[in-house]
């Protein structure tokens, strides 16, 4: 199952800037358009925890 497009419209980075996220369906990730943090999508559930986010260039 893919993420609902309406859900993607309202999701935002949990950091203080609350920037929009872009979805990579193949990698099952959401990426912040401002800070670049990468959030995993596990079992079709976005994990929007700053402690579990990866920075650009970090391996999964």
C-alpha atoms as a PDB file:
ATOM      1  CA  UNK A   1       0.000   0.000   0.000  1.00  0.00           C
ATOM      2  CA  UNK A   2       1.293   3.488  -0.809  1.00  0.00           C
ATOM      3  CA  UNK A   3       0.986   6.599   1.297  1.00  0.00           C
ATOM      4  CA  UNK A   4      -2.240   8.496   0.747  1.00  0.00           C
ATOM      5  CA  UNK A   5      -1.616  11.679  -1.304  1.00  0.00           C
ATOM      6  CA  UNK A   6      -3.836  13.659   1.104  1.00  0.00           C
ATOM      7  CA  UNK A   7      -1.632  12.540   4.000  1.00  0.00           C
ATOM      8  CA  UNK A   8       1.479  13.624   2.106  1.00  0.00           C
ATOM      9  CA  UNK A   9      -0.076  17.075   1.640  1.00  0.00           C
ATOM     10  CA  UNK A  10      -0.335  17.655   5.397  1.00  0.00           C
ATOM     11  CA  UNK A  11       2.849  15.959   6.633  1.00  0.00           C
ATOM     12  CA  UNK A  12       5.689  18.292   7.636  1.00  0.00           C
ATOM     13  CA  UNK A  13       9.108  18.019   9.216  1.00  0.00           C
ATOM     14  CA  UNK A  14       8.769  17.751  13.003  1.00  0.00           C
ATOM     15  CA  UNK A  15      11.611  20.254  13.514  1.00  0.00           C
ATOM     16  CA  UNK A  16      10.730  23.869  14.342  1.00  0.00           C
ATOM     17  CA  UNK A  17      10.648  24.987  10.677  1.00  0.00           C
ATOM     18  CA  UNK A  18       7.859  22.491   9.780  1.00  0.00           C
ATOM     19  CA  UNK A  19       8.920  22.386   6.129  1.00  0.00           C
ATOM     20  CA  UNK A  20       7.118  20.140   3.624  1.00  0.00           C
ATOM     21  CA  UNK A  21       8.384  16.625   2.935  1.00  0.00           C
ATOM     22  CA  UNK A  22       9.030  14.904  -0.375  1.00  0.00           C
ATOM     23  CA  UNK A  23       8.208  11.219  -0.772  1.00  0.00           C
ATOM     24  CA  UNK A  24      10.472   8.628  -2.381  1.00  0.00           C
ATOM     25  CA  UNK A  25       8.256   5.586  -2.873  1.00  0.00           C
ATOM     26  CA  UNK A  26      11.101   3.330  -4.031  1.00  0.00           C
ATOM     27  CA  UNK A  27      13.296   4.074  -1.004  1.00  0.00           C
ATOM     28  CA  UNK A  28      10.300   4.272   1.364  1.00  0.00           C
ATOM     29  CA  UNK A  29      11.455   7.605   2.780  1.00  0.00           C
ATOM     30  CA  UNK A  30      10.291  11.166   3.328  1.00  0.00           C
ATOM     31  CA  UNK A  31      12.840  13.965   2.996  1.00  0.00           C
ATOM     32  CA  UNK A  32      12.577  17.443   4.481  1.00  0.00           C
ATOM     33  CA  UNK A  33      12.818  20.152   1.842  1.00  0.00           C
ATOM     34  CA  UNK A  34      14.615  22.507   4.235  1.00  0.00           C
ATOM     35  CA  UNK A  35      16.983  20.576   6.525  1.00  0.00           C
ATOM     36  CA  UNK A  36      17.336  17.452   4.364  1.00  0.00           C
ATOM     37  CA  UNK A  37      16.576  14.986   7.161  1.00  0.00           C
ATOM     38  CA  UNK A  38      15.417  11.619   5.863  1.00  0.00           C
ATOM     39  CA  UNK A  39      12.555   9.868   7.637  1.00  0.00           C
ATOM     40  CA  UNK A  40      11.782   6.209   7.002  1.00  0.00           C
ATOM     41  CA  UNK A  41       8.356   4.850   6.139  1.00  0.00           C
ATOM     42  CA  UNK A  42       7.874   1.488   7.855  1.00  0.00           C
ATOM     43  CA  UNK A  43       4.867  -0.671   7.025  1.00  0.00           C
ATOM     44  CA  UNK A  44       3.287   2.369   5.310  1.00  0.00           C
ATOM     45  CA  UNK A  45       3.647   4.444   8.504  1.00  0.00           C
ATOM     46  CA  UNK A  46       5.891   7.538   8.413  1.00  0.00           C
ATOM     47  CA  UNK A  47       8.327   7.579  11.348  1.00  0.00           C
ATOM     48  CA  UNK A  48       8.649  11.317  11.980  1.00  0.00           C
ATOM     49  CA  UNK A  49      10.943  11.188  14.994  1.00  0.00           C
ATOM     50  CA  UNK A  50      13.938  13.523  14.909  1.00  0.00           C
ATOM     51  CA  UNK A  51      16.034  11.003  16.867  1.00  0.00           C
ATOM     52  CA  UNK A  52      15.475   8.363  14.178  1.00  0.00           C
ATOM     53  CA  UNK A  53      15.930  10.617  11.144  1.00  0.00           C
ATOM     54  CA  UNK A  54      19.068  10.379   9.030  1.00  0.00           C
ATOM     55  CA  UNK A  55      21.065  13.345   7.848  1.00  0.00           C
ATOM     56  CA  UNK A  56      21.919  13.583   4.144  1.00  0.00           C
ATOM     57  CA  UNK A  57      24.893  11.342   3.416  1.00  0.00           C
ATOM     58  CA  UNK A  58      24.310   8.991   6.380  1.00  0.00           C
ATOM     59  CA  UNK A  59      23.695   5.341   5.583  1.00  0.00           C
ATOM     60  CA  UNK A  60      20.526   3.607   6.678  1.00  0.00           C
END
